[in-house]
Amino acid sequence: MQHHVQSCLAMSIQKQVSARIGAGKRLSAEEVAFLKIVSSDLRAQLWHSILAPRLTAHPFFQVCDCLNSSCIWDLCTVVHLRSVGPGVVIFESGEVAKDFT
């Protein structure tokens, strides 16, 4: 082990991580440590592989992709996934846009 962590502690951590993954709880990008150390090009490729199919499922973005494929690449570098529960109001008619962070 890289930092000489006690094996019983390492096992406890592995069990907890496995249980969390098995529970289906999604990790946020901030919780995935390797994203901070890989190159920006690899991160861009990863986000594109995750987000492009979701974006191009919509006819508007399909047209954008056909007209200019770099448009989807650019969007994938600035779009952030957010999960909200059922019934959560994200925006209302006439409401002024705010930062959604």
Protein backbone atom coordinates (compact mmCIF):
# COMPACT_ATOMS: atom_id res chain seq x y z
CA MET A 1 0.00 0.00 0.00
CA GLN A 2 1.25 3.41 -0.90
CA HIS A 3 0.83 5.07 2.53
CA HIS A 4 1.23 2.00 4.77
CA VAL A 5 -2.41 2.04 5.92
CA GLN A 6 -3.31 -0.75 8.30
CA SER A 7 -4.89 -3.64 6.44
CA CYS A 8 -7.98 -3.74 8.69
CA LEU A 9 -8.63 -0.04 7.97
CA ALA A 10 -8.11 -0.58 4.25
CA MET A 11 -10.57 -3.49 4.30
CA SER A 12 -13.17 -1.39 6.13
CA ILE A 13 -12.82 1.36 3.55
CA GLN A 14 -13.08 -1.13 0.68
CA LYS A 15 -16.22 -2.67 2.20
CA GLN A 16 -17.85 0.72 2.64
CA VAL A 17 -17.00 1.77 -0.93
CA SER A 18 -18.32 -1.54 -2.29
CA ALA A 19 -21.53 -1.17 -0.28
CA ARG A 20 -22.01 2.38 -1.52
CA ILE A 21 -21.43 1.37 -5.13
CA GLY A 22 -23.78 -1.59 -4.69
CA ALA A 23 -26.46 0.68 -3.24
CA GLY A 24 -26.61 2.52 -6.54
CA LYS A 25 -25.76 5.93 -5.10
CA ARG A 26 -24.08 7.93 -7.81
CA LEU A 27 -20.82 9.71 -7.17
CA SER A 28 -20.45 13.34 -8.14
CA ALA A 29 -17.50 14.40 -10.27
CA GLU A 30 -15.97 16.05 -7.20
CA GLU A 31 -15.96 12.70 -5.40
CA VAL A 32 -13.92 10.96 -8.11
CA ALA A 33 -10.33 11.73 -7.21
CA PHE A 34 -8.75 10.65 -10.49
CA LEU A 35 -10.63 13.36 -12.41
CA LYS A 36 -8.42 15.94 -10.74
CA ILE A 37 -5.19 14.32 -11.92
CA VAL A 38 -5.93 13.25 -15.50
CA SER A 39 -5.22 15.62 -18.36
CA SER A 40 -7.85 18.10 -19.48
CA ASP A 41 -7.98 16.31 -22.86
CA LEU A 42 -8.88 12.98 -21.21
CA ARG A 43 -11.46 14.71 -19.00
CA ALA A 44 -13.00 16.32 -22.09
CA GLN A 45 -13.17 12.94 -23.84
CA LEU A 46 -14.79 11.37 -20.78
CA TRP A 47 -17.41 14.12 -20.44
CA HIS A 48 -18.12 13.94 -24.16
CA SER A 49 -18.66 10.17 -23.98
CA ILE A 50 -21.07 10.65 -21.06
CA LEU A 51 -22.94 13.76 -22.15
CA ALA A 52 -23.03 13.71 -25.96
CA PRO A 53 -25.52 10.82 -26.22
CA ARG A 54 -27.81 12.59 -23.75
CA LEU A 55 -27.59 15.90 -25.56
CA THR A 56 -27.97 14.50 -29.07
CA ALA A 57 -31.05 12.55 -28.01
CA HIS A 58 -32.84 15.91 -28.36
CA PRO A 59 -33.66 17.01 -31.95
CA PHE A 60 -32.29 20.52 -31.39
CA PHE A 61 -28.88 19.20 -30.39
CA GLN A 62 -28.96 16.63 -33.20
CA VAL A 63 -29.21 19.50 -35.67
CA CYS A 64 -26.45 21.41 -33.86
CA ASP A 65 -24.24 18.33 -34.04
CA CYS A 66 -24.92 17.88 -37.77
CA LEU A 67 -24.16 21.53 -38.51
CA ASN A 68 -21.11 21.81 -36.29
CA SER A 69 -19.84 18.78 -34.36
CA SER A 70 -17.53 20.94 -32.24
CA CYS A 71 -20.65 22.53 -30.76
CA ILE A 72 -21.44 19.35 -28.81
CA TRP A 73 -17.79 19.04 -27.73
CA ASP A 74 -17.89 22.61 -26.45
CA LEU A 75 -21.16 22.03 -24.62
CA CYS A 76 -19.80 18.90 -22.97
CA THR A 77 -16.99 20.92 -21.42
CA VAL A 78 -19.37 23.36 -19.70
CA VAL A 79 -22.48 21.26 -18.96
CA HIS A 80 -22.76 19.79 -15.47
CA LEU A 81 -25.02 16.90 -14.55
CA ARG A 82 -27.44 17.54 -11.73
CA SER A 83 -29.83 15.05 -10.21
CA VAL A 84 -32.98 16.20 -8.49
CA GLY A 85 -35.78 14.24 -6.94
CA PRO A 86 -39.32 13.99 -8.23
CA GLY A 87 -41.41 17.10 -7.66
CA VAL A 88 -38.43 19.44 -7.22
CA VAL A 89 -39.07 22.75 -9.00
CA ILE A 90 -36.02 23.66 -11.06
CA PHE A 91 -37.43 26.84 -12.59
CA GLU A 92 -40.76 28.56 -12.99
CA SER A 93 -42.24 30.59 -15.82
CA GLY A 94 -41.10 34.22 -15.71
CA GLU A 95 -38.34 33.53 -13.19
CA VAL A 96 -34.99 35.23 -13.82
CA ALA A 97 -32.20 32.70 -14.45
CA LYS A 98 -29.76 32.12 -11.60
CA ASP A 99 -26.56 30.15 -11.29
CA PHE A 100 -27.50 26.47 -10.79
CA THR A 101 -24.61 25.22 -8.68
